Protein backbone atom coordinates (compact mmCIF):
# COMPACT_ATOMS: atom_id res chain seq x y z
CA MET A 1 0.31 0.36 -0.14
CA ALA A 2 1.33 3.44 -0.92
CA PRO A 3 2.05 6.53 1.79
CA ARG A 4 -0.55 8.55 2.12
CA ALA A 5 -0.09 11.59 0.66
CA ARG A 6 0.22 14.30 2.69
CA GLN A 7 -2.66 17.01 3.02
CA HIS A 8 -1.56 21.08 1.94
CA HIS A 9 -5.08 22.26 3.47
CA ARG A 10 -8.21 21.63 5.21
CA SER A 11 -11.42 23.23 5.52
CA TYR A 12 -13.62 23.41 8.14
CA LEU A 13 -17.35 25.27 8.73
CA LEU A 14 -17.19 26.41 13.05
CA ARG A 15 -20.23 26.79 14.33
CA LEU A 16 -20.73 27.89 18.12
CA TRP A 17 -23.79 28.32 19.72
CA ARG A 18 -25.55 28.89 23.23
CA ALA A 19 -27.19 26.18 24.94
CA GLY A 20 -28.95 24.85 27.86
CA ASN A 21 -30.93 26.88 30.12
CA GLY A 22 -31.79 30.60 30.63
CA ASN A 23 -29.70 30.85 33.42
CA ALA A 24 -26.40 29.17 32.55
CA PRO A 25 -26.10 29.13 29.02
CA GLU A 26 -22.39 27.43 27.95
CA TRP A 27 -20.61 27.68 25.06
CA ARG A 28 -21.01 24.29 21.94
CA PHE A 29 -18.81 24.26 19.30
CA SER A 30 -18.56 21.96 16.43
CA LEU A 31 -16.77 21.95 13.14
CA GLU A 32 -17.73 20.25 10.03
CA ASP A 33 -15.32 19.21 7.46
CA ALA A 34 -15.79 20.87 4.21
CA ARG A 35 -14.93 17.71 1.89
CA THR A 36 -16.46 15.18 3.73
CA HIS A 37 -18.71 16.11 6.08
CA GLU A 38 -17.98 14.47 8.52
CA ARG A 39 -19.01 16.67 11.97
CA HIS A 40 -17.31 16.90 15.44
CA GLY A 41 -18.89 18.31 18.62
CA PHE A 42 -17.29 19.71 21.89
CA ALA A 43 -18.68 21.10 24.85
CA ASP A 44 -15.72 23.63 25.67
CA LEU A 45 -12.58 25.24 23.19
CA ILE A 46 -10.17 23.76 24.85
CA SER A 47 -11.39 20.22 22.96
CA VAL A 48 -11.63 22.25 20.24
CA MET A 49 -7.46 23.29 19.55
CA ALA A 50 -6.98 20.07 20.72
CA PHE A 51 -8.83 18.11 18.02
CA LEU A 52 -6.71 20.80 15.52
CA GLU A 53 -3.72 20.79 16.91
CA ALA A 54 -3.94 16.65 16.55
CA ILE A 55 -5.10 17.20 12.82
CA VAL A 56 -1.89 19.22 11.98
CA GLY A 57 0.74 17.14 14.59
CA ASP A 58 4.03 18.79 14.58
CA ASP A 59 3.94 20.56 11.35
CA VAL A 60 3.00 23.75 12.80
CA ARG A 61 5.16 26.39 13.67
CA PRO A 62 4.45 28.44 16.53
CA TRP A 63 3.26 31.46 16.08
CA PRO A 64 5.73 34.91 16.23
CA ALA A 65 5.45 36.51 19.47
CA THR A 66 3.94 39.68 19.23
CA LYS A 67 2.69 42.41 21.18
CA PRO A 68 -0.59 43.72 21.72
CA ASN A 69 0.36 47.37 19.38
CA GLU A 70 2.02 45.47 16.90
CA ILE A 71 -0.91 43.97 15.01
CA GLY A 72 -2.04 45.35 12.44
CA SER A 73 1.15 47.92 12.47
CA GLU A 74 2.82 46.31 9.23
């Protein structure tokens, strides 16, 4: 079997909404793969980020360190 080709991009539709009772609604999240339409649900933002980090693995370079006043100053 030939090794899987590396994907150069992935597209997801992010949905977020408030769920629960009116006194303490909580955010809920889902990501839907734009190609396969496979949907993944999450109870918190940390889980969304963990999912994305697991997909990209070691291929991600760290974000450059910026100070708040440097954003958009180029």
